[in-house]
Amino acid sequence: MLKLKTIHLKTKIVAINLQETLIVLAIIGILLLLALPNLMPLIAKAKSVEAQVQLKAVYNAQTTHRYMYSKYTSDINELDFEAPKTVKENGTANYIYQLISADNNSFKARAEAITDFDGDGILNVWEIDENGNPKQIIKD
C-alpha cells in the first residue's frame, strides 16, 4: 500500500501592521494640507470651464434661434438648450444658467456658480453676449 506523507511548510507572510498604516495615512494627510492651498486656484479654474462650455452652447442656440426667427429670445425654454442638473439636484453642474436680456440684435446670458470653490464667500459669475466670448464678471 502506498503511504502518503504530508509535509507542512512554514510560510511567513510579510504584511504591514496597523501602526505603520496609520503613520503612512498621517504623512499623506500632512502632504495634502501643504499642497491644497496651492491647488485651489487650479480647481476653481477647472470648474469654470463648465460655465464657459455651457455658455457657448447657449450662444450657439441663440444664434440658431436668430437665424430662424430674426431675433434673439429672452426665454431659455425656446432654445435648443438643456441646462445640466446642478449638484443641488443630484447632478454634476456647479452653475445655473439664465438669459439676462434679449432683443432683435443682442442678448446676454449668465452662468452663476452655486458652489463656493475656494470657500471665500464669493461665487463665480460668467456672461456671454451676441459676440460669443465668455467673460468672467466675478472671479471666485
Protein backbone atom coordinates (compact mmCIF):
# COMPACT_ATOMS: atom_id res chain seq x y z
CA MET A 1 0.00 0.00 0.00
CA LEU A 2 1.13 3.49 -0.80
CA LYS A 3 1.79 5.76 2.11
CA LEU A 4 1.39 9.47 1.60
CA LYS A 5 3.42 11.73 3.69
CA THR A 6 2.24 15.31 4.20
CA ILE A 7 4.78 17.97 4.61
CA HIS A 8 3.86 21.18 6.35
CA LEU A 9 5.86 24.14 5.19
CA LYS A 10 6.02 27.19 7.32
CA THR A 11 5.49 30.28 5.21
CA LYS A 12 5.77 33.72 6.60
CA ILE A 13 3.58 36.37 5.01
CA VAL A 14 5.10 39.80 5.09
CA ALA A 15 2.47 42.41 5.97
CA ILE A 16 2.26 45.83 7.47
CA ASN A 17 0.64 46.39 10.82
CA LEU A 18 -1.92 48.96 11.90
CA GLN A 19 0.65 51.40 13.28
CA GLU A 20 2.57 51.53 10.03
CA THR A 21 -0.66 52.09 8.08
CA LEU A 22 -1.70 54.97 10.35
CA ILE A 23 1.71 56.61 10.03
CA VAL A 24 1.51 56.45 6.22
CA LEU A 25 -2.01 57.95 6.27
CA ALA A 26 -0.87 60.74 8.59
CA ILE A 27 2.02 61.60 6.25
CA ILE A 28 -0.31 61.66 3.25
CA GLY A 29 -2.70 63.93 5.16
CA ILE A 30 0.08 66.37 6.04
CA LEU A 31 1.24 66.48 2.42
CA LEU A 32 -2.33 67.18 1.27
CA LEU A 33 -2.68 70.03 3.76
CA LEU A 34 0.52 71.55 2.44
CA ALA A 35 -0.46 71.18 -1.23
CA LEU A 36 -4.18 72.06 -1.07
CA PRO A 37 -3.88 75.87 -0.82
CA ASN A 38 -1.72 75.85 -3.94
CA LEU A 39 -4.23 73.68 -5.82
CA MET A 40 -7.41 75.67 -5.03
CA PRO A 41 -6.98 78.22 -7.86
CA LEU A 42 -6.47 75.36 -10.31
CA ILE A 43 -9.58 73.60 -9.06
CA ALA A 44 -11.67 76.79 -9.43
CA LYS A 45 -10.27 77.37 -12.91
CA ALA A 46 -11.05 73.82 -13.98
CA LYS A 47 -14.61 74.08 -12.70
CA SER A 48 -15.14 77.40 -14.50
CA VAL A 49 -14.60 75.58 -17.80
CA GLU A 50 -18.10 74.13 -17.28
CA ALA A 51 -19.61 77.63 -17.36
CA GLN A 52 -17.68 78.60 -20.49
CA VAL A 53 -18.71 75.46 -22.37
CA GLN A 54 -22.38 75.76 -21.42
CA LEU A 55 -22.47 79.48 -22.25
CA LYS A 56 -21.02 78.66 -25.68
CA ALA A 57 -23.91 76.20 -26.10
CA VAL A 58 -26.37 78.99 -25.18
CA TYR A 59 -24.65 81.26 -27.71
CA ASN A 60 -24.96 78.61 -30.44
CA ALA A 61 -28.63 78.03 -29.58
CA GLN A 62 -29.33 81.79 -29.62
CA THR A 63 -27.57 82.13 -32.99
CA THR A 64 -29.69 79.32 -34.43
CA HIS A 65 -32.83 80.93 -33.00
CA ARG A 66 -31.88 84.26 -34.57
CA TYR A 67 -31.38 82.65 -37.99
CA MET A 68 -34.81 81.05 -37.75
CA TYR A 69 -36.84 83.93 -36.24
CA SER A 70 -34.70 87.04 -36.97
CA LYS A 71 -34.37 87.84 -33.27
CA TYR A 72 -32.86 86.53 -30.08
CA THR A 73 -35.14 85.12 -27.41
CA SER A 74 -35.33 86.02 -23.73
CA ASP A 75 -36.94 82.67 -22.86
CA ILE A 76 -34.35 79.94 -22.37
CA ASN A 77 -37.07 77.31 -22.90
CA GLU A 78 -37.40 78.39 -26.55
CA LEU A 79 -33.79 77.44 -27.19
CA ASP A 80 -32.39 74.05 -28.01
CA PHE A 81 -30.51 74.14 -24.70
CA GLU A 82 -31.00 71.98 -21.66
CA ALA A 83 -29.01 73.01 -18.63
CA PRO A 84 -27.32 70.16 -16.79
CA LYS A 85 -28.61 69.19 -13.35
CA THR A 86 -26.87 71.04 -10.56
CA VAL A 87 -25.18 69.45 -7.57
CA LYS A 88 -28.20 70.55 -5.51
CA GLU A 89 -30.37 68.41 -7.82
CA ASN A 90 -28.05 65.38 -7.52
CA GLY A 91 -26.33 66.31 -10.78
CA THR A 92 -22.81 67.42 -11.58
CA ALA A 93 -23.22 71.07 -12.64
CA ASN A 94 -21.85 73.82 -10.41
CA TYR A 95 -23.63 76.68 -12.25
CA ILE A 96 -27.15 77.81 -13.03
CA TYR A 97 -27.82 79.41 -16.42
CA GLN A 98 -30.21 82.20 -17.33
CA LEU A 99 -30.87 84.71 -20.07
CA ILE A 100 -30.50 88.26 -18.72
CA SER A 101 -31.70 90.21 -21.74
CA ALA A 102 -32.53 89.76 -25.41
CA ASP A 103 -33.86 91.81 -28.29
CA ASN A 104 -33.59 91.70 -32.07
CA ASN A 105 -29.86 92.42 -32.21
CA SER A 106 -28.32 91.38 -28.90
CA PHE A 107 -28.60 89.09 -25.90
CA LYS A 108 -26.82 88.42 -22.65
CA ALA A 109 -26.72 85.11 -20.80
CA ARG A 110 -25.26 84.44 -17.37
CA ALA A 111 -23.81 81.46 -15.51
CA GLU A 112 -23.80 81.85 -11.73
CA ALA A 113 -21.95 79.40 -9.51
CA ILE A 114 -23.94 77.72 -6.77
CA THR A 115 -20.77 76.36 -5.18
CA ASP A 116 -18.07 78.40 -3.49
CA PHE A 117 -14.98 76.73 -4.93
CA ASP A 118 -12.37 78.22 -2.61
CA GLY A 119 -14.51 78.93 0.46
CA ASP A 120 -14.07 82.73 0.43
CA GLY A 121 -17.81 83.54 0.20
CA ILE A 122 -17.60 84.86 -3.38
CA LEU A 123 -19.42 82.93 -6.11
CA ASN A 124 -18.11 82.85 -9.67
CA VAL A 125 -20.17 84.57 -12.43
CA TRP A 126 -19.66 84.34 -16.19
CA GLU A 127 -21.55 86.08 -19.01
CA ILE A 128 -21.74 85.76 -22.77
CA ASP A 129 -23.31 88.03 -25.37
CA GLU A 130 -24.04 88.01 -29.10
CA ASN A 131 -20.30 88.20 -29.87
CA GLY A 132 -19.78 84.72 -28.38
CA ASN A 133 -16.92 85.42 -25.99
CA PRO A 134 -17.48 84.27 -22.39
CA LYS A 135 -16.35 86.87 -19.84
CA GLN A 136 -15.74 86.33 -16.15
CA ILE A 137 -17.71 89.01 -14.27
CA ILE A 138 -16.99 87.92 -10.69
CA LYS A 139 -13.90 85.86 -10.01
CA ASP A 140 -14.01 83.24 -7.29
